[in-house]
PDB file of all heavy atoms in Angstrom:
ATOM      1  N   ALA A   1     177.416 139.570 170.038  1.00  0.00           N
ATOM      2  CA  ALA A   1     178.004 138.216 170.184  1.00  0.00           C
ATOM      3  C   ALA A   1     179.312 138.103 169.472  1.00  0.00           C
ATOM      4  O   ALA A   1     179.611 138.863 168.530  1.00  0.00           O
ATOM      5  CB  ALA A   1     177.047 137.119 169.690  1.00  0.00           C
ATOM      6  N   GLN A   2     180.112 137.144 169.898  1.00  0.00           N
ATOM      7  CA  GLN A   2     181.415 136.891 169.215  1.00  0.00           C
ATOM      8  C   GLN A   2     181.308 135.648 168.332  1.00  0.00           C
ATOM      9  O   GLN A   2     180.367 134.838 168.480  1.00  0.00           O
ATOM     10  CB  GLN A   2     182.523 136.694 170.266  1.00  0.00           C
ATOM     11  CG  GLN A   2     182.751 137.890 171.134  1.00  0.00           C
ATOM     12  CD  GLN A   2     183.893 137.632 172.130  1.00  0.00           C
ATOM     13  OE1 GLN A   2     184.866 136.962 171.814  1.00  0.00           O
ATOM     14  NE2 GLN A   2     183.757 138.238 173.339  1.00  0.00           N
ATOM     15  N   LEU A   3     182.300 135.494 167.436  1.00  0.00           N
ATOM     16  CA  LEU A   3     182.413 134.314 166.623  1.00  0.00           C
ATOM     17  C   LEU A   3     183.713 133.601 166.948  1.00  0.00           C
ATOM     18  O   LEU A   3     184.573 134.196 167.590  1.00  0.00           O
ATOM     19  CB  LEU A   3     182.301 134.619 165.135  1.00  0.00           C
ATOM     20  CG  LEU A   3     180.948 135.235 164.657  1.00  0.00           C
ATOM     21  CD1 LEU A   3     180.971 136.682 164.636  1.00  0.00           C
ATOM     22  CD2 LEU A   3     180.629 134.668 163.266  1.00  0.00           C
ATOM     23  N   SER A   4     183.873 132.330 166.479  1.00  0.00           N
ATOM     24  CA  SER A   4     185.046 131.574 166.748  1.00  0.00           C
ATOM     25  C   SER A   4     185.251 130.567 165.698  1.00  0.00           C
ATOM     26  O   SER A   4     184.257 130.027 165.101  1.00  0.00           O
ATOM     27  CB  SER A   4     184.904 130.904 168.115  1.00  0.00           C
ATOM     28  OG  SER A   4     186.078 130.183 168.439  1.00  0.00           O
ATOM     29  N   GLY A   5     186.511 130.240 165.345  1.00  0.00           N
ATOM     30  CA  GLY A   5     186.837 129.220 164.394  1.00  0.00           C
ATOM     31  C   GLY A   5     186.607 129.573 162.961  1.00  0.00           C
ATOM     32  O   GLY A   5     186.553 128.644 162.108  1.00  0.00           O
ATOM     33  N   MET A   6     186.414 130.855 162.640  1.00  0.00           N
ATOM     34  CA  MET A   6     186.049 131.191 161.246  1.00  0.00           C
ATOM     35  C   MET A   6     187.255 131.053 160.263  1.00  0.00           C
ATOM     36  O   MET A   6     187.015 131.108 159.033  1.00  0.00           O
ATOM     37  CB  MET A   6     185.602 132.715 161.192  1.00  0.00           C
ATOM     38  CG  MET A   6     184.286 132.890 161.943  1.00  0.00           C
ATOM     39  SD  MET A   6     182.862 132.026 161.070  1.00  0.00           S
ATOM     40  CE  MET A   6     182.609 133.071 159.662  1.00  0.00           C
ATOM     41  N   GLU A   7     188.480 130.704 160.716  1.00  0.00           N
ATOM     42  CA  GLU A   7     189.569 130.402 159.828  1.00  0.00           C
ATOM     43  C   GLU A   7     189.458 128.973 159.243  1.00  0.00           C
ATOM     44  O   GLU A   7     190.039 128.715 158.215  1.00  0.00           O
ATOM     45  CB  GLU A   7     190.866 130.522 160.538  1.00  0.00           C
ATOM     46  CG  GLU A   7     191.159 129.585 161.611  1.00  0.00           C
ATOM     47  CD  GLU A   7     190.687 129.958 163.032  1.00  0.00           C
ATOM     48  OE1 GLU A   7     189.631 130.647 163.089  1.00  0.00           O
ATOM     49  OE2 GLU A   7     191.331 129.607 164.019  1.00  0.00           O
ATOM     50  N   PHE A   8     188.659 128.179 159.824  1.00  0.00           N
ATOM     51  CA  PHE A   8     188.526 126.781 159.412  1.00  0.00           C
ATOM     52  C   PHE A   8     187.392 126.584 158.373  1.00  0.00           C
ATOM     53  O   PHE A   8     186.281 126.083 158.664  1.00  0.00           O
ATOM     54  CB  PHE A   8     188.329 125.843 160.606  1.00  0.00           C
ATOM     55  CG  PHE A   8     189.463 125.856 161.582  1.00  0.00           C
ATOM     56  CD1 PHE A   8     189.299 126.480 162.845  1.00  0.00           C
ATOM     57  CD2 PHE A   8     190.716 125.385 161.225  1.00  0.00           C
ATOM     58  CE1 PHE A   8     190.313 126.535 163.777  1.00  0.00           C
ATOM     59  CE2 PHE A   8     191.759 125.405 162.110  1.00  0.00           C
ATOM     60  CZ  PHE A   8     191.553 126.013 163.403  1.00  0.00           C
ATOM     61  N   THR A   9     187.632 127.077 157.126  1.00  0.00           N
ATOM     62  CA  THR A   9     186.607 127.069 156.086  1.00  0.00           C
ATOM     63  C   THR A   9     187.075 126.284 154.864  1.00  0.00           C
ATOM     64  O   THR A   9     186.312 126.197 153.927  1.00  0.00           O
ATOM     65  CB  THR A   9     186.267 128.449 155.714  1.00  0.00           C
ATOM     66  OG1 THR A   9     187.452 129.178 155.233  1.00  0.00           O
ATOM     67  CG2 THR A   9     185.574 129.272 156.771  1.00  0.00           C
ATOM     68  N   ALA A  10     188.245 125.780 154.894  1.00  0.00           N
ATOM     69  CA  ALA A  10     188.871 125.133 153.680  1.00  0.00           C
ATOM     70  C   ALA A  10     188.355 123.693 153.459  1.00  0.00           C
ATOM     71  O   ALA A  10     189.171 122.760 153.548  1.00  0.00           O
ATOM     72  CB  ALA A  10     190.404 125.202 153.709  1.00  0.00           C
ATOM     73  N   VAL A  11     187.056 123.528 153.249  1.00  0.00           N
ATOM     74  CA  VAL A  11     186.475 122.254 153.026  1.00  0.00           C
ATOM     75  C   VAL A  11     185.765 122.233 151.699  1.00  0.00           C
ATOM     76  O   VAL A  11     185.058 123.160 151.334  1.00  0.00           O
ATOM     77  CB  VAL A  11     185.457 121.926 154.106  1.00  0.00           C
ATOM     78  CG1 VAL A  11     184.911 120.488 153.949  1.00  0.00           C
ATOM     79  CG2 VAL A  11     186.089 122.007 155.532  1.00  0.00           C
ATOM     80  N   TYR A  12     186.112 121.207 150.889  1.00  0.00           N
ATOM     81  CA  TYR A  12     185.548 121.075 149.557  1.00  0.00           C
ATOM     82  C   TYR A  12     185.042 119.674 149.347  1.00  0.00           C
ATOM     83  O   TYR A  12     185.526 118.707 149.981  1.00  0.00           O
ATOM     84  CB  TYR A  12     186.614 121.406 148.459  1.00  0.00           C
ATOM     85  CG  TYR A  12     187.030 122.803 148.457  1.00  0.00           C
ATOM     86  CD1 TYR A  12     187.905 123.322 149.422  1.00  0.00           C
ATOM     87  CD2 TYR A  12     186.612 123.675 147.455  1.00  0.00           C
ATOM     88  CE1 TYR A  12     188.310 124.686 149.404  1.00  0.00           C
ATOM     89  CE2 TYR A  12     186.988 124.989 147.418  1.00  0.00           C
ATOM     90  CZ  TYR A  12     187.831 125.478 148.405  1.00  0.00           C
ATOM     91  OH  TYR A  12     188.244 126.788 148.386  1.00  0.00           O
ATOM     92  N   CYS A  13     184.071 119.511 148.401  1.00  0.00           N
ATOM     93  CA  CYS A  13     183.646 118.179 148.020  1.00  0.00           C
ATOM     94  C   CYS A  13     183.721 118.058 146.541  1.00  0.00           C
ATOM     95  O   CYS A  13     183.570 118.966 145.736  1.00  0.00           O
ATOM     96  CB  CYS A  13     182.253 117.922 148.544  1.00  0.00           C
ATOM     97  SG  CYS A  13     181.009 119.068 147.918  1.00  0.00           S
ATOM     98  N   VAL A  14     183.970 116.854 146.044  1.00  0.00           N
ATOM     99  CA  VAL A  14     184.015 116.500 144.670  1.00  0.00           C
ATOM    100  C   VAL A  14     182.626 116.442 144.051  1.00  0.00           C
ATOM    101  O   VAL A  14     181.676 115.985 144.707  1.00  0.00           O
ATOM    102  CB  VAL A  14     184.763 115.191 144.389  1.00  0.00           C
ATOM    103  CG1 VAL A  14     185.086 115.016 142.911  1.00  0.00           C
ATOM    104  CG2 VAL A  14     185.983 115.103 145.214  1.00  0.00           C
ATOM    105  N   ALA A  15     182.519 116.963 142.828  1.00  0.00           N
ATOM    106  CA  ALA A  15     181.172 116.924 142.145  1.00  0.00           C
ATOM    107  C   ALA A  15     181.407 116.843 140.664  1.00  0.00           C
ATOM    108  O   ALA A  15     182.478 117.320 140.155  1.00  0.00           O
ATOM    109  CB  ALA A  15     180.384 118.212 142.490  1.00  0.00           C
ATOM    110  N   PRO A  16     180.506 116.264 139.883  1.00  0.00           N
ATOM    111  CA  PRO A  16     180.578 116.378 138.489  1.00  0.00           C
ATOM    112  C   PRO A  16     180.557 117.849 138.043  1.00  0.00           C
ATOM    113  O   PRO A  16     179.796 118.655 138.621  1.00  0.00           O
ATOM    114  CB  PRO A  16     179.338 115.637 138.003  1.00  0.00           C
ATOM    115  CG  PRO A  16     178.917 114.707 139.090  1.00  0.00           C
ATOM    116  CD  PRO A  16     179.348 115.500 140.376  1.00  0.00           C
ATOM    117  N   ALA A  17     181.393 118.220 137.131  1.00  0.00           N
ATOM    118  CA  ALA A  17     181.496 119.598 136.693  1.00  0.00           C
ATOM    119  C   ALA A  17     180.177 120.128 136.232  1.00  0.00           C
ATOM    120  O   ALA A  17     179.372 119.396 135.581  1.00  0.00           O
ATOM    121  CB  ALA A  17     182.562 119.776 135.638  1.00  0.00           C
ATOM    122  N   ARG A  18     179.883 121.410 136.472  1.00  0.00           N
ATOM    123  CA  ARG A  18     178.650 122.098 136.025  1.00  0.00           C
ATOM    124  C   ARG A  18     177.374 121.495 136.600  1.00  0.00           C
ATOM    125  O   ARG A  18     176.341 121.458 135.975  1.00  0.00           O
ATOM    126  CB  ARG A  18     178.580 122.184 134.533  1.00  0.00           C
ATOM    127  CG  ARG A  18     179.692 123.068 133.893  1.00  0.00           C
ATOM    128  CD  ARG A  18     179.772 122.984 132.416  1.00  0.00           C
ATOM    129  NE  ARG A  18     180.217 121.690 131.968  1.00  0.00           N
ATOM    130  CZ  ARG A  18     181.518 121.341 131.960  1.00  0.00           C
ATOM    131  NH1 ARG A  18     182.482 122.166 132.411  1.00  0.00           N
ATOM    132  NH2 ARG A  18     181.893 120.109 131.578  1.00  0.00           N
ATOM    133  N   THR A  19     177.475 120.974 137.808  1.00  0.00           N
ATOM    134  CA  THR A  19     176.283 120.477 138.524  1.00  0.00           C
ATOM    135  C   THR A  19     176.390 120.923 140.014  1.00  0.00           C
ATOM    136  O   THR A  19     177.425 121.371 140.472  1.00  0.00           O
ATOM    137  CB  THR A  19     176.207 118.877 138.574  1.00  0.00           C
ATOM    138  OG1 THR A  19     177.128 118.353 139.495  1.00  0.00           O
ATOM    139  CG2 THR A  19     176.487 118.297 137.215  1.00  0.00           C
ATOM    140  N   THR A  20     175.290 120.786 140.698  1.00  0.00           N
ATOM    141  CA  THR A  20     175.272 121.076 142.139  1.00  0.00           C
ATOM    142  C   THR A  20     175.336 119.837 142.959  1.00  0.00           C
ATOM    143  O   THR A  20     175.223 119.842 144.181  1.00  0.00           O
ATOM    144  CB  THR A  20     173.984 121.879 142.532  1.00  0.00           C
ATOM    145  OG1 THR A  20     172.871 121.037 142.253  1.00  0.00           O
ATOM    146  CG2 THR A  20     173.902 123.138 141.821  1.00  0.00           C
ATOM    147  N   MET A  21     175.494 118.685 142.292  1.00  0.00           N
ATOM    148  CA  MET A  21     175.372 117.367 142.984  1.00  0.00           C
ATOM    149  C   MET A  21     176.656 117.158 143.905  1.00  0.00           C
ATOM    150  O   MET A  21     177.744 116.984 143.332  1.00  0.00           O
ATOM    151  CB  MET A  21     175.226 116.219 141.979  1.00  0.00           C
ATOM    152  CG  MET A  21     175.060 114.908 142.613  1.00  0.00           C
ATOM    153  SD  MET A  21     173.811 114.819 143.937  1.00  0.00           S
ATOM    154  CE  MET A  21     172.360 115.438 143.046  1.00  0.00           C
ATOM    155  N   THR A  22     176.455 117.093 145.189  1.00  0.00           N
ATOM    156  CA  THR A  22     177.617 117.045 146.040  1.00  0.00           C
ATOM    157  C   THR A  22     177.523 115.888 147.025  1.00  0.00           C
ATOM    158  O   THR A  22     178.104 115.864 148.034  1.00  0.00           O
ATOM    159  CB  THR A  22     177.697 118.362 146.859  1.00  0.00           C
ATOM    160  OG1 THR A  22     176.403 118.602 147.484  1.00  0.00           O
ATOM    161  CG2 THR A  22     178.065 119.529 145.996  1.00  0.00           C
ATOM    162  N   ARG A  23     176.815 114.874 146.613  1.00  0.00           N
ATOM    163  CA  ARG A  23     176.793 113.642 147.385  1.00  0.00           C
ATOM    164  C   ARG A  23     178.102 112.806 146.946  1.00  0.00           C
ATOM    165  O   ARG A  23     178.013 112.171 145.887  1.00  0.00           O
ATOM    166  CB  ARG A  23     175.562 112.812 147.183  1.00  0.00           C
ATOM    167  CG  ARG A  23     174.302 113.631 147.477  1.00  0.00           C
ATOM    168  CD  ARG A  23     173.962 113.747 148.971  1.00  0.00           C
ATOM    169  NE  ARG A  23     174.787 114.634 149.672  1.00  0.00           N
ATOM    170  CZ  ARG A  23     174.730 115.999 149.648  1.00  0.00           C
ATOM    171  NH1 ARG A  23     173.845 116.584 148.977  1.00  0.00           N
ATOM    172  NH2 ARG A  23     175.571 116.707 150.394  1.00  0.00           N
ATOM    173  N   SER A  24     179.137 112.829 147.702  1.00  0.00           N
ATOM    174  CA  SER A  24     180.457 112.395 147.152  1.00  0.00           C
ATOM    175  C   SER A  24     180.942 111.060 147.721  1.00  0.00           C
ATOM    176  O   SER A  24     182.114 110.722 147.496  1.00  0.00           O
ATOM    177  CB  SER A  24     181.462 113.476 147.429  1.00  0.00           C
ATOM    178  OG  SER A  24     181.462 113.831 148.787  1.00  0.00           O
ATOM    179  N   MET A  25     180.134 110.273 148.462  1.00  0.00           N
ATOM    180  CA  MET A  25     180.611 109.000 148.903  1.00  0.00           C
ATOM    181  C   MET A  25     181.163 108.100 147.790  1.00  0.00           C
ATOM    182  O   MET A  25     182.258 107.467 148.014  1.00  0.00           O
ATOM    183  CB  MET A  25     179.403 108.246 149.596  1.00  0.00           C
ATOM    184  CG  MET A  25     179.783 106.905 150.197  1.00  0.00           C
ATOM    185  SD  MET A  25     179.575 105.548 148.953  1.00  0.00           S
ATOM    186  CE  MET A  25     177.789 105.481 148.841  1.00  0.00           C
ATOM    187  N   SER A  26     180.575 108.111 146.650  1.00  0.00           N
ATOM    188  CA  SER A  26     181.052 107.261 145.585  1.00  0.00           C
ATOM    189  C   SER A  26     182.444 107.609 145.050  1.00  0.00           C
ATOM    190  O   SER A  26     183.096 106.763 144.469  1.00  0.00           O
ATOM    191  CB  SER A  26     180.071 107.242 144.413  1.00  0.00           C
ATOM    192  OG  SER A  26     178.796 106.665 144.811  1.00  0.00           O
ATOM    193  N   PHE A  27     182.864 108.871 145.283  1.00  0.00           N
ATOM    194  CA  PHE A  27     184.126 109.293 144.777  1.00  0.00           C
ATOM    195  C   PHE A  27     185.307 108.638 145.590  1.00  0.00           C
ATOM    196  O   PHE A  27     186.505 108.788 145.221  1.00  0.00           O
ATOM    197  CB  PHE A  27     184.251 110.774 144.803  1.00  0.00           C
ATOM    198  CG  PHE A  27     183.498 111.403 143.673  1.00  0.00           C
ATOM    199  CD1 PHE A  27     182.267 112.007 143.877  1.00  0.00           C
ATOM    200  CD2 PHE A  27     184.042 111.480 142.432  1.00  0.00           C
ATOM    201  CE1 PHE A  27     181.561 112.508 142.837  1.00  0.00           C
ATOM    202  CE2 PHE A  27     183.365 112.085 141.392  1.00  0.00           C
ATOM    203  CZ  PHE A  27     182.079 112.606 141.612  1.00  0.00           C
ATOM    204  N   ALA A  28     185.014 107.922 146.650  1.00  0.00           N
ATOM    205  CA  ALA A  28     186.053 107.162 147.324  1.00  0.00           C
ATOM    206  C   ALA A  28     186.602 106.059 146.402  1.00  0.00           C
ATOM    207  O   ALA A  28     187.756 105.576 146.660  1.00  0.00           O
ATOM    208  CB  ALA A  28     185.501 106.482 148.605  1.00  0.00           C
ATOM    209  N   PHE A  29     185.895 105.731 145.308  1.00  0.00           N
ATOM    210  CA  PHE A  29     186.325 104.692 144.399  1.00  0.00           C
ATOM    211  C   PHE A  29     186.656 105.298 143.060  1.00  0.00           C
ATOM    212  O   PHE A  29     186.815 104.580 142.039  1.00  0.00           O
ATOM    213  CB  PHE A  29     185.198 103.674 144.252  1.00  0.00           C
ATOM    214  CG  PHE A  29     184.674 103.084 145.472  1.00  0.00           C
ATOM    215  CD1 PHE A  29     183.485 103.564 146.045  1.00  0.00           C
ATOM    216  CD2 PHE A  29     185.429 102.183 146.240  1.00  0.00           C
ATOM    217  CE1 PHE A  29     182.966 103.050 147.218  1.00  0.00           C
ATOM    218  CE2 PHE A  29     184.950 101.683 147.444  1.00  0.00           C
ATOM    219  CZ  PHE A  29     183.775 102.116 147.937  1.00  0.00           C
ATOM    220  N   ALA A  30     186.915 106.591 142.973  1.00  0.00           N
ATOM    221  CA  ALA A  30     187.163 107.246 141.663  1.00  0.00           C
ATOM    222  C   ALA A  30     188.600 107.057 141.230  1.00  0.00           C
ATOM    223  O   ALA A  30     189.529 106.976 142.080  1.00  0.00           O
ATOM    224  CB  ALA A  30     186.813 108.733 141.751  1.00  0.00           C
ATOM    225  N   THR A  31     188.828 107.021 139.912  1.00  0.00           N
ATOM    226  CA  THR A  31     190.175 107.178 139.317  1.00  0.00           C
ATOM    227  C   THR A  31     190.135 108.447 138.555  1.00  0.00           C
ATOM    228  O   THR A  31     189.187 108.744 137.868  1.00  0.00           O
ATOM    229  CB  THR A  31     190.419 106.026 138.401  1.00  0.00           C
ATOM    230  OG1 THR A  31     190.374 104.783 139.126  1.00  0.00           O
ATOM    231  CG2 THR A  31     191.819 106.163 137.758  1.00  0.00           C
ATOM    232  N   TYR A  32     191.226 109.250 138.714  1.00  0.00           N
ATOM    233  CA  TYR A  32     191.225 110.606 138.143  1.00  0.00           C
ATOM    234  C   TYR A  32     192.284 110.596 136.981  1.00  0.00           C
ATOM    235  O   TYR A  32     193.281 109.991 137.010  1.00  0.00           O
ATOM    236  CB  TYR A  32     191.605 111.627 139.213  1.00  0.00           C
ATOM    237  CG  TYR A  32     190.625 111.723 140.317  1.00  0.00           C
ATOM    238  CD1 TYR A  32     190.708 110.930 141.507  1.00  0.00           C
ATOM    239  CD2 TYR A  32     189.471 112.557 140.174  1.00  0.00           C
ATOM    240  CE1 TYR A  32     189.721 111.013 142.491  1.00  0.00           C
ATOM    241  CE2 TYR A  32     188.548 112.638 141.194  1.00  0.00           C
ATOM    242  CZ  TYR A  32     188.671 111.884 142.325  1.00  0.00           C
ATOM    243  OH  TYR A  32     187.723 111.962 143.302  1.00  0.00           O
ATOM    244  N   TYR A  33     191.887 111.512 135.990  1.00  0.00           N
ATOM    245  CA  TYR A  33     192.695 111.571 134.805  1.00  0.00           C
ATOM    246  C   TYR A  33     192.907 113.039 134.402  1.00  0.00           C
ATOM    247  O   TYR A  33     191.998 113.883 134.628  1.00  0.00           O
ATOM    248  CB  TYR A  33     191.944 110.906 133.599  1.00  0.00           C
ATOM    249  CG  TYR A  33     191.589 109.483 133.850  1.00  0.00           C
ATOM    250  CD1 TYR A  33     190.379 109.154 134.540  1.00  0.00           C
ATOM    251  CD2 TYR A  33     192.365 108.378 133.454  1.00  0.00           C
ATOM    252  CE1 TYR A  33     189.939 107.862 134.750  1.00  0.00           C
ATOM    253  CE2 TYR A  33     191.967 107.018 133.686  1.00  0.00           C
ATOM    254  CZ  TYR A  33     190.732 106.815 134.385  1.00  0.00           C
ATOM    255  OH  TYR A  33     190.372 105.538 134.619  1.00  0.00           O
ATOM    256  N   ASP A  34     194.001 113.308 133.690  1.00  0.00           N
ATOM    257  CA  ASP A  34     194.193 114.679 133.156  1.00  0.00           C
ATOM    258  C   ASP A  34     193.543 114.719 131.793  1.00  0.00           C
ATOM    259  O   ASP A  34     192.936 113.763 131.316  1.00  0.00           O
ATOM    260  CB  ASP A  34     195.692 115.066 133.104  1.00  0.00           C
ATOM    261  CG  ASP A  34     196.485 114.215 132.188  1.00  0.00           C
ATOM    262  OD1 ASP A  34     195.930 113.436 131.365  1.00  0.00           O
ATOM    263  OD2 ASP A  34     197.701 114.194 132.265  1.00  0.00           O
ATOM    264  N   GLU A  35     193.630 115.926 131.111  1.00  0.00           N
ATOM    265  CA  GLU A  35     192.929 116.081 129.880  1.00  0.00           C
ATOM    266  C   GLU A  35     193.431 115.115 128.776  1.00  0.00           C
ATOM    267  O   GLU A  35     192.700 114.789 127.847  1.00  0.00           O
ATOM    268  CB  GLU A  35     193.097 117.541 129.437  1.00  0.00           C
ATOM    269  CG  GLU A  35     192.049 117.982 128.392  1.00  0.00           C
ATOM    270  CD  GLU A  35     192.065 119.476 128.167  1.00  0.00           C
ATOM    271  OE1 GLU A  35     192.963 120.190 128.693  1.00  0.00           O
ATOM    272  OE2 GLU A  35     191.146 119.977 127.513  1.00  0.00           O
ATOM    273  N   ALA A  36     194.689 114.670 128.897  1.00  0.00           N
ATOM    274  CA  ALA A  36     195.247 113.749 127.905  1.00  0.00           C
ATOM    275  C   ALA A  36     194.889 112.252 128.231  1.00  0.00           C
ATOM    276  O   ALA A  36     195.342 111.364 127.475  1.00  0.00           O
ATOM    277  CB  ALA A  36     196.718 113.865 127.931  1.00  0.00           C
TER     278      ALA A  36
END
């Protein structure tokens, strides 16, 4: 069999660091900060 569309893999979801929790609907309301 052949494959198709394998170049389209650049999808990421936001998660709390060092967790597997990837339910990211709430991040639509997030504010982001740098280390400072």
